[in-house]
Structures are given as C-alpha cells and as structure tokens.
Amino acid sequence: MPLHDSMSASQFLLAMSPDAIVFEILTRLPAKAVGRFKVVCKEWSHLLSTRPFEKVHSDRSLLPNNQKTLVIRDLIATVHPIDFATAQYGPGTTITCPFYPDITGISILSHMDGLLCAWVHDTHELFLWNPTTTAYKTLSNSNGRGIFVDSTGTIAFFKDHLHDYKVMHVIRNQHAFEAHVYSRLLACWTEIPFPAKLEYLDRKFSWSTGTQCGATVYYTITQPLIRGKNVIIAFDTFSGHVTELQFPPVQTNGVLETNMLTVQDALYMFVTNGLQERTLQLWILRHDHWINVFTPPPIPPIPERLWCSITHYMTNGKWFVMSNSHTLYEIDTDMRPLQYFHTVNSLDAGVGAVYLETVVEPDI
C-alpha cells in the first residue's frame, strides 16, 4: 500500500495488517537479532526463513555498519568492523571456520548477500557459508561436482530472475570447456554449455572470478605477466550465449591485474599494472565500450608486495585499496556520491572477504 502525501506514518501503520507490521519491523533488524527472534514462536521462525523475508532483509541490510571484513590466518578467522572515518579496521572477533577440523587452507572465492563461496584446499570442495548465522553447506556430491581446482577452474556466484542463488563452475579441460551450475533452490548441479573460444583453454591465460551485472556474468581473461592478449567475455545467464568484449586500452607495463564490480547496475573495472610503482585506472562499460573514469597518480611503493584489491567504497565517492599488510589506502575519485556500499569478490588473494551481515542461508 503506497504512503500517500495526505496520509501520516501512523495512519499508514494502522492501515496495515499485524503480520505486515511485523514484517516491516523485522526486515529492518540486524541479522544477528533476526536469528534470536526465530525462537520466539513457530510463526516467526517460519516467517524469518521465507525467501520474501530473506530478499527484503538483504536489500535493507546494505548499510555501512552491516559491512564486515573477514580475515583468515592459519585457519583462524576474525571478523572486523570497518571504521570509515579513519579507514581502519576495528578489533576483531574470532569465529570458527566450520568445515573440517584438520584442514590446512581455506580461500573465499566469491560472495553475494552475506553468503561466501569457500574453497577447502585439502579436499578441493566448494561450500556456501554464512559467517553471520554460522550455517554452511557443501556443494560437492558423489558425481564429483563441486570439486574445484584453481589452476583449471573459475567460479561465478550470481542470482537469477527467480532470486535463486547459483554457483557456476567453469573447468578448462584439455580440449573443451566444461561448465556446471549449482542451484540453491534445487540443491543440485546441472551441466550447461559454455561456448567460449577454445584458445582460452590454454594455461597461459588467467581467468578472473565471474562478476554479475544485470543478467550477465563477466570474466577477464588476461596474460598478466607478458604483453599478451587480454579480453573480456560475457556469459548471458538467460540464453547461455558467450560474447567477447574488447579490453580497455591499457598500456601493460609489468604485472597486470583486474578487479570488476557492479555499481548501480553498471559494470566497473579497476586495472592495476606495473612492478615497484603501480598505476591504477578505473573504467566503466557503456554499450560494450570501456570509458575511463579516472587515472590517479601512480601508487608509491608500499611495504610488502602490493596486490591491489578494491574492497569497498564510501558514499562520498572515496575508494579504498587493500594491501597485503591489511592497511587501507584511500583514493579520492571526485565521483558523485553513491547511495550504497559495494564489496568485491575476494580480499588479499582469497584469504578473506568483505561481506554484509545478512540472514541468507546456504540451504533452503
């Protein structure tokens, strides 16, 4: 029911049903509070577990204080709040990595709406994990689906038009691409065609994690250590078609790295390259062509090797670069203020993630 100009907020609430009022209130609570309210009664437990509640709560959770940084060191995971005033992380709270007791390594490959797609190095299994609710689910099965090898595979985490969370696993075999999609709604894997050019099977190419923008998942395919071929490919999640886009006209000078992200339904890409002194550029995709948004001065050398990751941006248009030393470096883009926050797929070579605290569960 729309809130007309002549209707006050109190009149609007009185016009709503009690169930609708409860829904409006609970979808605005922090994720951890929602978890506690699930034990109030059976009716609330059911309501707080429905997909409509999950979707609305996730949309309303996109707030600064709900954004957290997960850092994994020696299988010890700590969750840190982000102080955007000082560009520093707050004190960490230790949480348990729940997968297996005797593993040696975990990486976060991708994330969406508080769900993390985690990869256990020892068993090569993929998991969906919500560190806020502590729930997790293995995606591997007896047919060998959900087994990830980083040298031959890449992951994309996306939502379809039915609000179904899906994980697409593309494997580069010797002579062909193999692709499988896991559906959270159906709790199973389905094999699909992935008609990319066979030349990109070559191990000399490095594939990025897929980034969703609209109904399309984008990958960068680069030769990061040589001045070779760099392209973007786009996978249409409706039709299954794969198209190839030109890479931004960046002069390669050393190690090339890319980081794609979606901002207000537009695809952006950070490109960093160089050795000791690295340059950084931000590009936006417009009608299959890349437009340069800004090119700041080169980033000076930073203690320890700098592998740039844009972790998040502030509503005043400032962006942050994350270094291996877990220090945030601020970049002022002079862009117009943005209305919400965004987080990238990986942090510090996969040993952590910047994510939102939500009630989205790995299983329905």
Protein backbone atom coordinates (compact mmCIF):
# COMPACT_ATOMS: atom_id res chain seq x y z
CA MET A 1 0.00 0.00 0.00
CA PRO A 2 1.55 3.31 -1.04
CA LEU A 3 2.00 6.03 1.52
CA HIS A 4 0.08 9.00 0.10
CA ASP A 5 1.09 12.57 0.83
CA SER A 6 -2.09 13.08 2.83
CA MET A 7 -1.51 10.00 4.99
CA SER A 8 0.70 10.19 8.07
CA ALA A 9 3.08 7.40 9.06
CA SER A 10 0.83 6.41 11.97
CA GLN A 11 -2.23 6.24 9.69
CA PHE A 12 -0.24 4.12 7.27
CA LEU A 13 0.72 1.64 10.01
CA LEU A 14 -2.89 1.44 11.24
CA ALA A 15 -3.96 0.56 7.68
CA MET A 16 -1.57 -2.38 7.60
CA SER A 17 -2.29 -5.86 8.92
CA PRO A 18 -0.48 -7.01 12.08
CA ASP A 19 1.54 -9.51 10.03
CA ALA A 20 2.61 -6.77 7.63
CA ILE A 21 3.71 -4.55 10.50
CA VAL A 22 5.78 -7.39 11.99
CA PHE A 23 7.33 -8.00 8.57
CA GLU A 24 8.24 -4.32 8.15
CA ILE A 25 9.85 -4.16 11.59
CA LEU A 26 11.78 -7.43 11.45
CA THR A 27 13.22 -6.81 7.99
CA ARG A 28 14.92 -3.73 9.41
CA LEU A 29 16.66 -5.53 12.28
CA PRO A 30 20.33 -6.64 12.22
CA ALA A 31 20.89 -10.19 11.03
CA LYS A 32 22.01 -11.47 14.43
CA ALA A 33 18.86 -10.07 16.07
CA VAL A 34 16.70 -11.82 13.45
CA GLY A 35 18.40 -15.08 14.39
CA ARG A 36 17.43 -14.61 18.03
CA PHE A 37 13.81 -13.81 17.11
CA LYS A 38 13.47 -17.12 15.25
CA VAL A 39 13.00 -18.88 18.60
CA VAL A 40 10.12 -16.61 19.72
CA CYS A 41 7.44 -18.80 18.15
CA LYS A 42 6.81 -21.16 15.23
CA GLU A 43 5.09 -18.45 13.20
CA TRP A 44 8.08 -16.11 13.45
CA SER A 45 10.50 -18.95 12.77
CA HIS A 46 8.64 -19.71 9.54
CA LEU A 47 8.35 -16.03 8.54
CA LEU A 48 12.03 -15.30 9.12
CA SER A 49 13.03 -18.27 6.96
CA THR A 50 10.98 -17.44 3.87
CA ARG A 51 12.56 -16.24 0.64
CA PRO A 52 10.49 -12.97 0.54
CA PHE A 53 11.73 -12.07 4.03
CA GLU A 54 15.29 -13.02 3.10
CA LYS A 55 15.20 -10.84 -0.03
CA VAL A 56 13.75 -7.74 1.64
CA HIS A 57 16.05 -8.07 4.66
CA SER A 58 19.10 -8.40 2.37
CA ASP A 59 18.10 -5.25 0.45
CA ARG A 60 17.72 -3.34 3.69
CA SER A 61 20.99 -4.67 5.12
CA LEU A 62 23.11 -2.71 2.65
CA LEU A 63 24.26 -0.26 5.32
CA PRO A 64 27.75 0.74 6.49
CA ASN A 65 27.53 -0.84 9.93
CA ASN A 66 26.45 -4.18 8.43
CA GLN A 67 29.61 -4.44 6.35
CA LYS A 68 32.34 -6.57 7.90
CA THR A 69 35.79 -7.84 6.95
CA LEU A 70 36.65 -11.50 7.38
CA VAL A 71 40.37 -12.27 7.58
CA ILE A 72 41.65 -15.87 7.70
CA ARG A 73 45.14 -16.52 9.01
CA ASP A 74 46.34 -20.04 9.88
CA LEU A 75 42.71 -21.22 9.84
CA ILE A 76 41.79 -18.63 12.46
CA ALA A 77 39.01 -16.36 11.18
CA THR A 78 38.44 -12.92 12.64
CA VAL A 79 35.60 -10.57 11.78
CA HIS A 80 36.34 -6.85 11.92
CA PRO A 81 34.03 -3.83 11.71
CA ILE A 82 35.17 -1.11 9.33
CA ASP A 83 35.76 2.42 10.61
CA PHE A 84 35.14 4.53 7.52
CA ALA A 85 36.11 7.71 9.33
CA THR A 86 39.68 6.50 9.89
CA ALA A 87 39.93 3.89 7.09
CA GLN A 88 40.95 1.29 9.65
CA TYR A 89 39.55 -1.99 10.90
CA GLY A 90 38.14 -2.27 14.40
CA PRO A 91 39.03 -5.02 16.90
CA GLY A 92 38.35 -8.48 15.55
CA THR A 93 36.01 -11.15 16.89
CA THR A 94 37.24 -14.72 16.39
CA ILE A 95 34.84 -17.16 14.72
CA THR A 96 35.24 -20.82 13.84
CA CYS A 97 35.85 -22.00 10.28
CA PRO A 98 33.27 -24.80 10.36
CA PHE A 99 34.21 -27.11 7.51
CA TYR A 100 36.71 -29.73 8.77
CA PRO A 101 38.92 -29.86 11.90
CA ASP A 102 42.25 -30.84 10.28
CA ILE A 103 42.41 -28.85 7.04
CA THR A 104 45.38 -26.72 6.05
CA GLY A 105 43.87 -24.00 3.86
CA ILE A 106 40.66 -22.11 3.00
CA SER A 107 40.03 -19.46 0.36
CA ILE A 108 36.96 -17.30 -0.21
CA LEU A 109 36.34 -17.35 -3.97
CA SER A 110 33.23 -15.19 -4.20
CA HIS A 111 30.36 -13.76 -2.17
CA MET A 112 26.85 -12.40 -2.52
CA ASP A 113 24.37 -11.03 0.02
CA GLY A 114 26.34 -12.32 3.00
CA LEU A 115 26.87 -15.81 1.56
CA LEU A 116 30.51 -16.75 0.94
CA CYS A 117 31.61 -19.33 -1.61
CA ALA A 118 34.51 -21.02 0.18
CA TRP A 119 37.07 -23.48 -1.18
CA VAL A 120 38.80 -26.00 1.10
CA HIS A 121 42.27 -26.64 -0.34
CA ASP A 122 42.75 -30.13 1.12
CA THR A 123 39.60 -31.73 -0.32
CA HIS A 124 39.02 -29.23 -3.17
CA GLU A 125 35.38 -28.98 -2.06
CA LEU A 126 33.21 -25.89 -2.50
CA PHE A 127 31.00 -24.65 0.33
CA LEU A 128 28.40 -21.95 0.82
CA TRP A 129 28.89 -20.31 4.22
CA ASN A 130 27.17 -17.50 6.09
CA PRO A 131 29.64 -16.44 8.82
CA THR A 132 26.92 -14.35 10.50
CA THR A 133 24.49 -17.24 11.08
CA THR A 134 27.34 -19.85 11.05
CA ALA A 135 25.34 -22.03 8.64
CA TYR A 136 27.20 -23.79 5.82
CA LYS A 137 26.59 -26.40 3.12
CA THR A 138 28.94 -28.48 1.00
CA LEU A 139 28.33 -28.25 -2.75
CA SER A 140 30.27 -31.39 -3.63
CA ASN A 141 28.47 -34.64 -4.44
CA SER A 142 29.19 -38.26 -5.30
CA ASN A 143 29.43 -37.42 -9.02
CA GLY A 144 32.44 -35.18 -8.43
CA ARG A 145 30.54 -31.93 -8.92
CA GLY A 146 31.61 -29.08 -6.67
CA ILE A 147 35.28 -30.11 -6.73
CA PHE A 148 37.39 -27.05 -7.56
CA VAL A 149 40.97 -26.92 -8.85
CA ASP A 150 42.24 -23.34 -9.05
CA SER A 151 44.64 -23.96 -11.96
CA THR A 152 41.87 -25.16 -14.28
CA GLY A 153 38.64 -23.70 -12.89
CA THR A 154 36.88 -20.45 -12.15
CA ILE A 155 33.77 -19.59 -10.15
CA ALA A 156 30.89 -17.16 -10.64
CA PHE A 157 28.30 -16.52 -7.90
CA PHE A 158 25.10 -14.90 -9.18
CA LYS A 159 21.33 -14.55 -8.72
CA ASP A 160 18.79 -15.31 -11.45
CA HIS A 161 15.42 -13.65 -12.11
CA LEU A 162 13.77 -16.03 -9.59
CA HIS A 163 16.11 -14.83 -6.81
CA ASP A 164 17.81 -18.22 -6.86
CA TYR A 165 21.46 -18.11 -5.77
CA LYS A 166 23.65 -20.02 -8.21
CA VAL A 167 27.31 -21.02 -8.40
CA MET A 168 28.75 -21.56 -11.89
CA HIS A 169 31.92 -23.63 -12.09
CA VAL A 170 33.77 -23.43 -15.40
CA ILE A 171 36.51 -26.03 -15.95
CA ARG A 172 39.19 -25.82 -18.64
CA ASN A 173 39.83 -29.36 -19.79
CA GLN A 174 42.48 -30.24 -22.34
CA HIS A 175 40.23 -29.89 -25.39
CA ALA A 176 36.94 -28.37 -24.19
CA PHE A 177 35.18 -26.24 -21.60
CA GLU A 178 33.02 -27.97 -19.00
CA ALA A 179 30.52 -25.92 -17.01
CA HIS A 180 28.15 -26.81 -14.17
CA VAL A 181 25.69 -24.61 -12.29
CA TYR A 182 24.61 -25.26 -8.71
CA SER A 183 21.12 -24.05 -7.78
CA ARG A 184 20.43 -23.28 -4.12
CA LEU A 185 16.70 -23.64 -4.82
CA LEU A 186 17.04 -27.12 -6.36
CA ALA A 187 20.09 -28.15 -4.28
CA CYS A 188 21.75 -29.81 -7.26
CA TRP A 189 24.24 -29.30 -10.10
CA THR A 190 23.29 -29.05 -13.79
CA GLU A 191 25.72 -29.27 -16.69
CA ILE A 192 25.41 -26.45 -19.24
CA PRO A 193 27.19 -25.47 -22.49
CA PHE A 194 29.88 -22.79 -22.24
CA PRO A 195 30.72 -21.82 -25.84
CA ALA A 196 33.86 -19.73 -25.32
CA LYS A 197 36.77 -19.77 -27.79
CA LEU A 198 38.94 -22.84 -27.38
CA GLU A 199 42.13 -20.75 -27.42
CA TYR A 200 41.25 -19.61 -23.88
CA LEU A 201 41.73 -23.18 -22.66
CA ASP A 202 45.46 -22.50 -22.79
CA ARG A 203 47.05 -22.29 -19.33
CA LYS A 204 48.91 -19.13 -20.35
CA PHE A 205 45.62 -17.28 -19.80
CA SER A 206 44.49 -16.28 -16.32
CA TRP A 207 40.73 -16.22 -15.66
CA SER A 208 39.12 -13.93 -13.10
CA THR A 209 36.20 -14.81 -10.87
CA GLY A 210 32.92 -14.01 -12.61
CA THR A 211 31.13 -10.75 -11.77
CA GLN A 212 27.39 -10.36 -12.30
CA CYS A 213 25.92 -7.19 -13.79
CA GLY A 214 22.27 -7.44 -14.74
CA ALA A 215 21.63 -10.81 -16.36
CA THR A 216 25.25 -11.18 -17.47
CA VAL A 217 28.34 -12.65 -15.82
CA TYR A 218 31.65 -11.10 -16.91
CA TYR A 219 35.16 -12.58 -16.78
CA THR A 220 38.52 -11.07 -17.56
CA ILE A 221 40.91 -13.34 -19.44
CA THR A 222 44.45 -11.99 -19.29
CA GLN A 223 48.08 -12.83 -19.75
CA PRO A 224 49.20 -10.95 -16.64
CA LEU A 225 52.97 -11.45 -16.82
CA ILE A 226 53.52 -10.72 -20.51
CA ARG A 227 52.27 -8.18 -23.00
CA GLY A 228 49.85 -10.68 -24.49
CA LYS A 229 46.16 -10.86 -25.28
CA ASN A 230 43.62 -9.53 -22.75
CA VAL A 231 39.86 -9.81 -23.31
CA ILE A 232 36.52 -9.71 -21.51
CA ILE A 233 33.94 -12.43 -22.08
CA ALA A 234 30.28 -12.11 -21.13
CA PHE A 235 28.01 -15.05 -20.28
CA ASP A 236 24.26 -14.39 -20.63
CA THR A 237 22.56 -16.23 -17.75
CA PHE A 238 19.25 -16.37 -19.67
CA SER A 239 20.37 -17.60 -23.09
CA GLY A 240 23.72 -19.19 -22.21
CA HIS A 241 25.42 -17.24 -25.01
CA VAL A 242 29.04 -16.17 -24.64
CA THR A 243 30.25 -12.97 -26.29
CA GLU A 244 33.67 -11.36 -26.34
CA LEU A 245 34.34 -7.70 -25.50
CA GLN A 246 37.42 -5.61 -26.02
CA PHE A 247 39.71 -5.00 -23.07
CA PRO A 248 40.23 -1.34 -22.02
CA PRO A 249 43.17 0.27 -23.90
CA VAL A 250 45.64 -0.08 -21.03
CA GLN A 251 49.39 0.01 -21.64
CA THR A 252 50.76 -3.12 -19.98
CA ASN A 253 53.93 -2.43 -18.00
CA GLY A 254 54.71 -5.25 -15.62
CA VAL A 255 52.16 -7.33 -13.70
CA LEU A 256 48.59 -6.71 -14.90
CA GLU A 257 45.66 -7.20 -12.51
CA THR A 258 41.94 -6.56 -12.87
CA ASN A 259 39.02 -6.22 -10.46
CA MET A 260 35.45 -5.94 -11.73
CA LEU A 261 32.49 -4.77 -9.67
CA THR A 262 28.90 -3.66 -10.19
CA VAL A 263 27.80 -0.21 -9.06
CA GLN A 264 24.19 0.90 -9.54
CA ASP A 265 23.63 -1.60 -12.39
CA ALA A 266 26.82 -0.54 -14.21
CA LEU A 267 29.98 -2.61 -14.60
CA TYR A 268 33.21 -1.00 -13.42
CA MET A 269 36.73 -2.39 -13.65
CA PHE A 270 39.90 -1.41 -11.83
CA VAL A 271 43.08 -2.20 -13.75
CA THR A 272 46.45 -2.08 -12.00
CA ASN A 273 49.78 -2.79 -13.65
CA GLY A 274 53.46 -2.19 -13.11
CA LEU A 275 56.13 -3.54 -10.79
CA GLN A 276 57.51 -1.47 -7.91
CA GLU A 277 55.43 1.57 -8.83
CA ARG A 278 51.94 0.57 -9.91
CA THR A 279 49.39 2.53 -11.91
CA LEU A 280 45.66 2.21 -11.31
CA GLN A 281 42.78 3.10 -13.62
CA LEU A 282 39.01 2.86 -13.22
CA TRP A 283 36.87 2.08 -16.29
CA ILE A 284 33.11 1.79 -16.85
CA LEU A 285 31.39 -0.33 -19.51
CA ARG A 286 28.98 1.60 -21.74
CA HIS A 287 27.33 -0.21 -24.66
CA ASP A 288 30.16 -2.74 -24.96
CA HIS A 289 32.83 0.01 -24.85
CA TRP A 290 35.06 0.96 -21.91
CA ILE A 291 35.25 4.59 -20.80
CA ASN A 292 37.99 5.78 -18.45
CA VAL A 293 36.59 7.27 -15.24
CA PHE A 294 39.86 8.29 -13.64
CA THR A 295 43.60 7.62 -13.61
CA PRO A 296 45.21 8.80 -10.37
CA PRO A 297 48.96 9.29 -9.94
CA PRO A 298 50.93 6.03 -9.62
CA ILE A 299 50.66 4.30 -6.26
CA PRO A 300 54.04 4.63 -4.49
CA PRO A 301 55.80 1.52 -3.20
CA ILE A 302 54.11 0.07 -0.12
CA PRO A 303 55.82 -2.21 2.44
CA GLU A 304 55.41 -5.82 1.34
CA ARG A 305 54.28 -6.62 -2.16
CA LEU A 306 51.12 -4.72 -3.12
CA TRP A 307 48.47 -6.80 -4.81
CA CYS A 308 45.68 -4.30 -5.15
CA SER A 309 42.10 -5.15 -4.26
CA ILE A 310 39.39 -2.52 -4.19
CA THR A 311 37.48 -3.63 -1.12
CA HIS A 312 34.66 -1.11 -0.86
CA TYR A 313 33.69 2.47 -1.48
CA MET A 314 32.18 5.14 0.67
CA THR A 315 29.05 7.13 -0.04
CA ASN A 316 31.13 10.26 -0.61
CA GLY A 317 32.82 8.64 -3.62
CA LYS A 318 36.07 7.60 -1.95
CA TRP A 319 37.50 4.16 -2.71
CA PHE A 320 39.96 2.06 -0.76
CA VAL A 321 42.85 -0.17 -1.83
CA MET A 322 43.73 -3.12 0.40
CA SER A 323 47.38 -4.22 0.68
CA ASN A 324 48.91 -7.46 1.96
CA SER A 325 49.69 -5.70 5.22
CA HIS A 326 45.92 -5.28 5.82
CA THR A 327 46.26 -1.50 5.53
CA LEU A 328 43.61 0.54 3.75
CA TYR A 329 44.78 3.24 1.33
CA GLU A 330 42.29 5.89 0.36
CA ILE A 331 41.72 7.06 -3.23
CA ASP A 332 39.64 10.17 -3.88
CA THR A 333 37.92 9.77 -7.25
CA ASP A 334 35.94 13.02 -7.26
CA MET A 335 32.97 10.93 -8.32
CA ARG A 336 29.43 11.84 -7.41
CA PRO A 337 28.19 10.43 -4.10
CA LEU A 338 26.89 6.86 -4.29
CA GLN A 339 23.85 5.71 -2.39
CA TYR A 340 25.08 2.40 -1.04
CA PHE A 341 28.17 0.31 -0.44
CA HIS A 342 29.65 -2.43 -2.57
CA THR A 343 32.13 -5.19 -1.82
CA VAL A 344 34.39 -7.14 -4.15
CA ASN A 345 34.68 -10.87 -4.60
CA SER A 346 37.98 -11.52 -2.88
CA LEU A 347 40.36 -9.97 -0.41
CA ASP A 348 44.11 -10.43 -0.11
CA ALA A 349 44.43 -13.34 -2.57
CA GLY A 350 41.36 -15.13 -1.25
CA VAL A 351 42.21 -15.39 2.45
CA GLY A 352 39.27 -13.24 3.45
CA ALA A 353 36.27 -11.30 2.26
CA VAL A 354 34.39 -8.07 2.76
CA TYR A 355 30.74 -9.01 3.18
CA LEU A 356 27.40 -7.88 4.55
CA GLU A 357 25.76 -9.40 7.60
CA THR A 358 22.52 -10.95 6.34
CA VAL A 359 20.13 -13.83 7.14
CA VAL A 360 20.60 -15.54 3.77
CA GLU A 361 21.17 -19.24 4.40
CA PRO A 362 23.22 -21.66 2.27
CA ASP A 363 20.24 -24.02 2.09
CA ILE A 364 16.50 -23.50 1.70
